Amino acid sequence: MSSQQPHTPQPPRKYGLRFEELSAEDREFFRPFWEEPAPHPNFVVEEQRLVNARVRMATGLSFTLLMVSALVTALLALSGFFFTAGATAIAVGISLFLIIAVRRRLFKSLRLPGAPPPAKNAKARWFWLPHLLVIASVFSLITSFALVPTVFADPNPLVTRAWGIFFAELGMFGLLIAALAYGLIALAAFSPHDDDERIMRPTDFAEQLLERDLRKSEGDDFYDSDWITGKKR
């Protein structure tokens, strides 16, 4: 008669097998579930990326402040609240200073430790042309609303109205030309240099450009526009 005791099945556990009861093969299979994975190299936050993020944030905030303060100032001036418009004009000047400070990296937090401010773009000096055009257009609009009724006053109201329309149209036309000039100069100043001067592109130019960009990416995330990050590959 055999002395071996009959095998009694263990009741099913509520929480499954314990770690000590797993075989070596099972432990290797479930290892990724309890070990902390190593950080992916594409998601390592570097100091340069932190600086780029601060620059993009500061640029967006200062530009938004400029647009909002300029709009509020114009609305208050047109509504006759000149004293309040003068107060909001201070915010316009502050936002302009912030935009220039971000572009020139005047604050240490907007550049790497020990790095000097970036060199000026030679093509950026052409921005003074639309700057001056905007200033002249604003003075033309001010003339239309404020100076025409007094300086160009005429017994005939149609003449006064004609002068007002003339300066208003001149100011709006100047702002339109300045906006187009800003876009063209920005494209010329900040677009990556293209060494290919052929008039006709080859039929597979898009595929060649994609392969070239993939080779330059070196395993990093592919979408990294130069005009956003400011990096030149």
C-alpha atoms as a PDB file:
ATOM      1  CA  MET A   1       0.000   0.000   0.000  1.00  0.00           C
ATOM      2  CA  SER A   2       1.486   3.311  -1.031  1.00  0.00           C
ATOM      3  CA  SER A   3       2.167   5.879   1.680  1.00  0.00           C
ATOM      4  CA  GLN A   4       1.921   8.847  -0.739  1.00  0.00           C
ATOM      5  CA  GLN A   5      -0.820  11.228   0.258  1.00  0.00           C
ATOM      6  CA  PRO A   6      -3.348  12.111  -2.422  1.00  0.00           C
ATOM      7  CA  HIS A   7      -2.830  15.583  -3.998  1.00  0.00           C
ATOM      8  CA  THR A   8      -5.407  18.036  -2.833  1.00  0.00           C
ATOM      9  CA  PRO A   9      -5.913  20.975  -5.193  1.00  0.00           C
ATOM     10  CA  GLN A  10      -5.272  24.403  -3.734  1.00  0.00           C
ATOM     11  CA  PRO A  11      -8.223  26.756  -3.709  1.00  0.00           C
ATOM     12  CA  PRO A  12      -7.944  29.528  -6.270  1.00  0.00           C
ATOM     13  CA  ARG A  13      -6.382  32.662  -4.858  1.00  0.00           C
ATOM     14  CA  LYS A  14      -8.229  35.892  -5.070  1.00  0.00           C
ATOM     15  CA  TYR A  15      -5.249  37.891  -6.330  1.00  0.00           C
ATOM     16  CA  GLY A  16      -3.497  35.320  -8.523  1.00  0.00           C
ATOM     17  CA  LEU A  17      -0.020  33.893  -8.081  1.00  0.00           C
ATOM     18  CA  ARG A  18       2.539  35.396  -5.765  1.00  0.00           C
ATOM     19  CA  PHE A  19       5.908  36.560  -6.978  1.00  0.00           C
ATOM     20  CA  GLU A  20       7.690  33.750  -5.129  1.00  0.00           C
ATOM     21  CA  GLU A  21       5.533  31.146  -6.880  1.00  0.00           C
ATOM     22  CA  LEU A  22       6.316  32.349 -10.407  1.00  0.00           C
ATOM     23  CA  SER A  23       8.715  30.341 -12.484  1.00  0.00           C
ATOM     24  CA  ALA A  24      11.762  31.933 -14.026  1.00  0.00           C
ATOM     25  CA  GLU A  25      10.050  32.033 -17.417  1.00  0.00           C
ATOM     26  CA  ASP A  26       6.974  33.730 -15.968  1.00  0.00           C
ATOM     27  CA  ARG A  27       9.091  36.263 -14.092  1.00  0.00           C
ATOM     28  CA  GLU A  28      10.892  37.230 -17.292  1.00  0.00           C
ATOM     29  CA  PHE A  29       7.568  37.565 -19.087  1.00  0.00           C
ATOM     30  CA  PHE A  30       5.998  39.832 -16.439  1.00  0.00           C
ATOM     31  CA  ARG A  31       9.163  41.815 -15.717  1.00  0.00           C
ATOM     32  CA  PRO A  32       8.146  44.903 -17.812  1.00  0.00           C
ATOM     33  CA  PHE A  33       5.000  45.266 -15.691  1.00  0.00           C
ATOM     34  CA  TRP A  34       6.752  45.958 -12.384  1.00  0.00           C
ATOM     35  CA  GLU A  35      10.092  47.427 -13.453  1.00  0.00           C
ATOM     36  CA  GLU A  36      10.345  51.143 -14.132  1.00  0.00           C
ATOM     37  CA  PRO A  37      11.022  51.572 -17.851  1.00  0.00           C
ATOM     38  CA  ALA A  38      14.027  53.584 -18.904  1.00  0.00           C
ATOM     39  CA  PRO A  39      13.156  57.041 -20.275  1.00  0.00           C
ATOM     40  CA  HIS A  40      12.959  57.188 -24.039  1.00  0.00           C
ATOM     41  CA  PRO A  41      15.784  59.278 -25.535  1.00  0.00           C
ATOM     42  CA  ASN A  42      13.297  61.296 -27.593  1.00  0.00           C
ATOM     43  CA  PHE A  43      11.577  62.546 -24.431  1.00  0.00           C
ATOM     44  CA  VAL A  44      14.644  63.620 -22.468  1.00  0.00           C
ATOM     45  CA  VAL A  45      14.179  67.282 -21.579  1.00  0.00           C
ATOM     46  CA  GLU A  46      17.386  69.124 -22.379  1.00  0.00           C
ATOM     47  CA  GLU A  47      18.377  72.598 -21.325  1.00  0.00           C
ATOM     48  CA  GLN A  48      18.185  73.868 -24.896  1.00  0.00           C
ATOM     49  CA  ARG A  49      14.609  72.620 -25.231  1.00  0.00           C
ATOM     50  CA  LEU A  50      13.636  74.293 -21.977  1.00  0.00           C
ATOM     51  CA  VAL A  51      15.058  77.580 -23.231  1.00  0.00           C
ATOM     52  CA  ASN A  52      13.228  77.192 -26.550  1.00  0.00           C
ATOM     53  CA  ALA A  53       9.978  76.554 -24.694  1.00  0.00           C
ATOM     54  CA  ARG A  54      10.468  79.691 -22.587  1.00  0.00           C
ATOM     55  CA  VAL A  55      11.190  81.757 -25.697  1.00  0.00           C
ATOM     56  CA  ARG A  56       8.076  80.498 -27.477  1.00  0.00           C
ATOM     57  CA  MET A  57       5.921  81.158 -24.414  1.00  0.00           C
ATOM     58  CA  ALA A  58       7.345  84.653 -23.882  1.00  0.00           C
ATOM     59  CA  THR A  59       6.914  85.485 -27.570  1.00  0.00           C
ATOM     60  CA  GLY A  60       3.286  84.389 -27.600  1.00  0.00           C
ATOM     61  CA  LEU A  61       2.407  86.208 -24.379  1.00  0.00           C
ATOM     62  CA  SER A  62       4.096  89.465 -25.365  1.00  0.00           C
ATOM     63  CA  PHE A  63       2.530  89.411 -28.841  1.00  0.00           C
ATOM     64  CA  THR A  64      -0.916  88.732 -27.348  1.00  0.00           C
ATOM     65  CA  LEU A  65      -0.453  91.598 -24.900  1.00  0.00           C
ATOM     66  CA  LEU A  66       0.514  93.889 -27.772  1.00  0.00           C
ATOM     67  CA  MET A  67      -2.543  93.000 -29.863  1.00  0.00           C
ATOM     68  CA  VAL A  68      -5.000  93.296 -26.957  1.00  0.00           C
ATOM     69  CA  SER A  69      -3.564  96.552 -25.608  1.00  0.00           C
ATOM     70  CA  ALA A  70      -3.411  98.129 -29.088  1.00  0.00           C
ATOM     71  CA  LEU A  71      -7.023  97.140 -29.771  1.00  0.00           C
ATOM     72  CA  VAL A  72      -8.240  98.482 -26.416  1.00  0.00           C
ATOM     73  CA  THR A  73      -6.300 101.719 -26.927  1.00  0.00           C
ATOM     74  CA  ALA A  74      -7.807 102.219 -30.381  1.00  0.00           C
ATOM     75  CA  LEU A  75     -11.328 101.535 -29.134  1.00  0.00           C
ATOM     76  CA  LEU A  76     -10.957 103.940 -26.212  1.00  0.00           C
ATOM     77  CA  ALA A  77      -9.516 106.655 -28.447  1.00  0.00           C
ATOM     78  CA  LEU A  78     -12.302 106.309 -30.980  1.00  0.00           C
ATOM     79  CA  SER A  79     -14.859 106.402 -28.160  1.00  0.00           C
ATOM     80  CA  GLY A  80     -13.490 109.679 -26.835  1.00  0.00           C
ATOM     81  CA  PHE A  81     -11.847 108.370 -23.651  1.00  0.00           C
ATOM     82  CA  PHE A  82      -8.456 109.873 -24.441  1.00  0.00           C
ATOM     83  CA  PHE A  83      -7.128 109.828 -20.882  1.00  0.00           C
ATOM     84  CA  THR A  84      -7.851 106.112 -20.475  1.00  0.00           C
ATOM     85  CA  ALA A  85      -6.458 105.455 -23.955  1.00  0.00           C
ATOM     86  CA  GLY A  86      -3.224 107.131 -22.894  1.00  0.00           C
ATOM     87  CA  ALA A  87      -3.024 104.796 -19.896  1.00  0.00           C
ATOM     88  CA  THR A  88      -3.519 101.703 -22.059  1.00  0.00           C
ATOM     89  CA  ALA A  89      -0.951 103.056 -24.511  1.00  0.00           C
ATOM     90  CA  ILE A  90       1.612 102.436 -21.754  1.00  0.00           C
ATOM     91  CA  ALA A  91       0.758  98.726 -22.009  1.00  0.00           C
ATOM     92  CA  VAL A  92       1.428  98.945 -25.749  1.00  0.00           C
ATOM     93  CA  GLY A  93       4.894 100.325 -25.070  1.00  0.00           C
ATOM     94  CA  ILE A  94       5.586  97.656 -22.444  1.00  0.00           C
ATOM     95  CA  SER A  95       4.535  94.869 -24.812  1.00  0.00           C
ATOM     96  CA  LEU A  96       6.746  96.292 -27.555  1.00  0.00           C
ATOM     97  CA  PHE A  97       9.681  96.305 -25.142  1.00  0.00           C
ATOM     98  CA  LEU A  98       8.944  92.696 -24.165  1.00  0.00           C
ATOM     99  CA  ILE A  99       8.878  91.574 -27.810  1.00  0.00           C
ATOM    100  CA  ILE A 100      12.235  93.263 -28.444  1.00  0.00           C
ATOM    101  CA  ALA A 101      13.642  91.777 -25.225  1.00  0.00           C
ATOM    102  CA  VAL A 102      12.592  88.287 -26.273  1.00  0.00           C
ATOM    103  CA  ARG A 103      14.024  88.686 -29.758  1.00  0.00           C
ATOM    104  CA  ARG A 104      17.315  90.030 -28.352  1.00  0.00           C
ATOM    105  CA  ARG A 105      17.325  87.502 -25.445  1.00  0.00           C
ATOM    106  CA  LEU A 106      17.927  90.280 -22.938  1.00  0.00           C
ATOM    107  CA  PHE A 107      16.812  88.092 -20.018  1.00  0.00           C
ATOM    108  CA  LYS A 108      19.143  85.314 -18.861  1.00  0.00           C
ATOM    109  CA  SER A 109      16.288  82.816 -18.607  1.00  0.00           C
ATOM    110  CA  LEU A 110      15.808  83.057 -22.390  1.00  0.00           C
ATOM    111  CA  ARG A 111      19.279  81.772 -23.243  1.00  0.00           C
ATOM    112  CA  LEU A 112      21.653  79.061 -22.102  1.00  0.00           C
ATOM    113  CA  PRO A 113      23.844  79.766 -19.057  1.00  0.00           C
ATOM    114  CA  GLY A 114      26.890  81.725 -20.166  1.00  0.00           C
ATOM    115  CA  ALA A 115      25.654  82.094 -23.741  1.00  0.00           C
ATOM    116  CA  PRO A 116      25.767  85.607 -25.245  1.00  0.00           C
ATOM    117  CA  PRO A 117      22.715  87.186 -26.903  1.00  0.00           C
ATOM    118  CA  PRO A 118      22.180  85.892 -30.442  1.00  0.00           C
ATOM    119  CA  ALA A 119      23.745  87.694 -33.364  1.00  0.00           C
ATOM    120  CA  LYS A 120      21.486  90.064 -35.249  1.00  0.00           C
ATOM    121  CA  ASN A 121      19.987  88.873 -38.487  1.00  0.00           C
ATOM    122  CA  ALA A 122      21.269  91.095 -41.295  1.00  0.00           C
ATOM    123  CA  LYS A 123      17.958  90.870 -43.136  1.00  0.00           C
ATOM    124  CA  ALA A 124      15.979  91.937 -40.071  1.00  0.00           C
ATOM    125  CA  ARG A 125      16.939  95.579 -40.582  1.00  0.00           C
ATOM    126  CA  TRP A 126      14.429  95.696 -43.436  1.00  0.00           C
ATOM    127  CA  PHE A 127      11.688  95.531 -40.801  1.00  0.00           C
ATOM    128  CA  TRP A 128      12.243  99.249 -40.235  1.00  0.00           C
ATOM    129  CA  LEU A 129      10.484  99.907 -43.553  1.00  0.00           C
ATOM    130  CA  PRO A 130       7.081  98.534 -42.447  1.00  0.00           C
ATOM    131  CA  HIS A 131       7.692  99.983 -38.966  1.00  0.00           C
ATOM    132  CA  LEU A 132       7.916 103.490 -40.416  1.00  0.00           C
ATOM    133  CA  LEU A 133       4.954 102.794 -42.670  1.00  0.00           C
ATOM    134  CA  VAL A 134       2.846 101.772 -39.655  1.00  0.00           C
ATOM    135  CA  ILE A 135       3.810 104.942 -37.793  1.00  0.00           C
ATOM    136  CA  ALA A 136       2.914 107.107 -40.805  1.00  0.00           C
ATOM    137  CA  SER A 137      -0.398 105.264 -41.205  1.00  0.00           C
ATOM    138  CA  VAL A 138      -1.299 105.775 -37.552  1.00  0.00           C
ATOM    139  CA  PHE A 139      -0.594 109.502 -37.834  1.00  0.00           C
ATOM    140  CA  SER A 140      -2.737 109.586 -40.971  1.00  0.00           C
ATOM    141  CA  LEU A 141      -5.637 107.967 -39.104  1.00  0.00           C
ATOM    142  CA  ILE A 142      -5.209 110.381 -36.204  1.00  0.00           C
ATOM    143  CA  THR A 143      -5.262 113.243 -38.687  1.00  0.00           C
ATOM    144  CA  SER A 144      -8.479 111.929 -40.213  1.00  0.00           C
ATOM    145  CA  PHE A 145     -10.345 111.794 -36.884  1.00  0.00           C
ATOM    146  CA  ALA A 146      -8.717 114.570 -34.829  1.00  0.00           C
ATOM    147  CA  LEU A 147      -7.049 117.187 -37.060  1.00  0.00           C
ATOM    148  CA  VAL A 148      -9.296 117.352 -40.114  1.00  0.00           C
ATOM    149  CA  PRO A 149     -12.283 118.871 -38.267  1.00  0.00           C
ATOM    150  CA  THR A 150     -10.048 121.677 -36.940  1.00  0.00           C
ATOM    151  CA  VAL A 151      -7.051 122.164 -39.239  1.00  0.00           C
ATOM    152  CA  PHE A 152      -8.834 121.383 -42.526  1.00  0.00           C
ATOM    153  CA  ALA A 153     -12.118 122.960 -41.520  1.00  0.00           C
ATOM    154  CA  ASP A 154     -14.061 124.362 -44.451  1.00  0.00           C
ATOM    155  CA  PRO A 155     -17.441 126.108 -44.721  1.00  0.00           C
ATOM    156  CA  ASN A 156     -18.492 123.376 -47.059  1.00  0.00           C
ATOM    157  CA  PRO A 157     -18.945 120.170 -44.984  1.00  0.00           C
ATOM    158  CA  LEU A 158     -18.393 118.028 -48.060  1.00  0.00           C
ATOM    159  CA  VAL A 159     -14.821 119.304 -48.352  1.00  0.00           C
ATOM    160  CA  THR A 160     -14.094 118.500 -44.719  1.00  0.00           C
ATOM    161  CA  ARG A 161     -15.624 115.047 -45.159  1.00  0.00           C
ATOM    162  CA  ALA A 162     -13.527 114.457 -48.281  1.00  0.00           C
ATOM    163  CA  TRP A 163     -10.322 115.304 -46.408  1.00  0.00           C
ATOM    164  CA  GLY A 164     -11.303 112.964 -43.572  1.00  0.00           C
ATOM    165  CA  ILE A 165     -11.989 110.095 -45.967  1.00  0.00           C
ATOM    166  CA  PHE A 166      -8.708 110.808 -47.779  1.00  0.00           C
ATOM    167  CA  PHE A 167      -6.548 110.495 -44.663  1.00  0.00           C
ATOM    168  CA  ALA A 168      -8.537 107.502 -43.373  1.00  0.00           C
ATOM    169  CA  GLU A 169      -8.134 105.617 -46.659  1.00  0.00           C
ATOM    170  CA  LEU A 170      -4.457 106.585 -46.800  1.00  0.00           C
ATOM    171  CA  GLY A 171      -3.887 105.223 -43.292  1.00  0.00           C
ATOM    172  CA  MET A 172      -5.711 101.942 -43.943  1.00  0.00           C
ATOM    173  CA  PHE A 173      -3.856 101.470 -47.231  1.00  0.00           C
ATOM    174  CA  GLY A 174      -0.548 102.047 -45.443  1.00  0.00           C
ATOM    175  CA  LEU A 175      -1.418  99.452 -42.793  1.00  0.00           C
ATOM    176  CA  LEU A 176      -2.288  96.939 -45.513  1.00  0.00           C
ATOM    177  CA  ILE A 177       1.012  97.495 -47.324  1.00  0.00           C
ATOM    178  CA  ALA A 178       2.886  97.269 -44.014  1.00  0.00           C
ATOM    179  CA  ALA A 179       1.223  93.935 -43.206  1.00  0.00           C
ATOM    180  CA  LEU A 180       2.227  92.528 -46.596  1.00  0.00           C
ATOM    181  CA  ALA A 181       5.762  93.864 -46.122  1.00  0.00           C
ATOM    182  CA  TYR A 182       6.020  92.229 -42.695  1.00  0.00           C
ATOM    183  CA  GLY A 183       5.108  88.868 -44.208  1.00  0.00           C
ATOM    184  CA  LEU A 184       7.530  89.133 -47.116  1.00  0.00           C
ATOM    185  CA  ILE A 185      10.435  90.303 -44.962  1.00  0.00           C
ATOM    186  CA  ALA A 186       9.738  87.580 -42.395  1.00  0.00           C
ATOM    187  CA  LEU A 187       9.824  84.935 -45.124  1.00  0.00           C
ATOM    188  CA  ALA A 188      13.117  86.330 -46.437  1.00  0.00           C
ATOM    189  CA  ALA A 189      14.723  86.667 -42.996  1.00  0.00           C
ATOM    190  CA  PHE A 190      13.641  83.469 -41.260  1.00  0.00           C
ATOM    191  CA  SER A 191      13.167  80.876 -44.014  1.00  0.00           C
ATOM    192  CA  PRO A 192      15.888  78.200 -44.172  1.00  0.00           C
ATOM    193  CA  HIS A 193      18.387  78.747 -46.953  1.00  0.00           C
ATOM    194  CA  ASP A 194      17.704  76.698 -50.064  1.00  0.00           C
ATOM    195  CA  ASP A 195      20.833  75.732 -51.975  1.00  0.00           C
ATOM    196  CA  ASP A 196      18.825  74.341 -54.870  1.00  0.00           C
ATOM    197  CA  GLU A 197      18.372  77.202 -57.347  1.00  0.00           C
ATOM    198  CA  ARG A 198      16.719  75.191 -60.104  1.00  0.00           C
ATOM    199  CA  ILE A 199      13.624  76.712 -61.638  1.00  0.00           C
ATOM    200  CA  MET A 200      11.972  73.325 -62.230  1.00  0.00           C
ATOM    201  CA  ARG A 201      11.995  70.874 -59.344  1.00  0.00           C
ATOM    202  CA  PRO A 202      12.376  67.147 -60.087  1.00  0.00           C
ATOM    203  CA  THR A 203       9.235  65.058 -59.899  1.00  0.00           C
ATOM    204  CA  ASP A 204      10.478  63.238 -56.776  1.00  0.00           C
ATOM    205  CA  PHE A 205      11.617  66.412 -55.006  1.00  0.00           C
ATOM    206  CA  ALA A 206       9.185  65.895 -52.100  1.00  0.00           C
ATOM    207  CA  GLU A 207      10.502  62.373 -51.497  1.00  0.00           C
ATOM    208  CA  GLN A 208      14.105  63.598 -51.647  1.00  0.00           C
ATOM    209  CA  LEU A 209      13.353  66.402 -49.202  1.00  0.00           C
ATOM    210  CA  LEU A 210      11.663  63.969 -46.802  1.00  0.00           C
ATOM    211  CA  GLU A 211      14.603  61.563 -46.915  1.00  0.00           C
ATOM    212  CA  ARG A 212      17.020  64.424 -46.311  1.00  0.00           C
ATOM    213  CA  ASP A 213      15.045  65.670 -43.305  1.00  0.00           C
ATOM    214  CA  LEU A 214      14.823  62.132 -41.904  1.00  0.00           C
ATOM    215  CA  ARG A 215      18.593  61.760 -42.157  1.00  0.00           C
ATOM    216  CA  LYS A 216      19.044  65.076 -40.344  1.00  0.00           C
ATOM    217  CA  SER A 217      16.605  64.164 -37.592  1.00  0.00           C
ATOM    218  CA  GLU A 218      18.991  61.461 -36.224  1.00  0.00           C
ATOM    219  CA  GLY A 219      16.257  59.558 -34.435  1.00  0.00           C
ATOM    220  CA  ASP A 220      14.683  62.609 -32.847  1.00  0.00           C
ATOM    221  CA  ASP A 221      11.037  63.491 -33.243  1.00  0.00           C
ATOM    222  CA  PHE A 222      10.587  64.567 -36.823  1.00  0.00           C
ATOM    223  CA  TYR A 223       8.246  67.523 -36.454  1.00  0.00           C
ATOM    224  CA  ASP A 224      10.494  70.369 -35.373  1.00  0.00           C
ATOM    225  CA  SER A 225       9.810  73.451 -37.468  1.00  0.00           C
ATOM    226  CA  ASP A 226      12.637  75.950 -37.653  1.00  0.00           C
ATOM    227  CA  TRP A 227      10.312  78.933 -37.459  1.00  0.00           C
ATOM    228  CA  ILE A 228       8.966  77.702 -34.087  1.00  0.00           C
ATOM    229  CA  THR A 229      12.099  76.482 -32.341  1.00  0.00           C
ATOM    230  CA  GLY A 230      14.591  78.824 -33.944  1.00  0.00           C
ATOM    231  CA  LYS A 231      17.023  75.952 -34.443  1.00  0.00           C
ATOM    232  CA  LYS A 232      18.864  75.632 -37.737  1.00  0.00           C
ATOM    233  CA  ARG A 233      19.699  72.123 -38.722  1.00  0.00           C
END
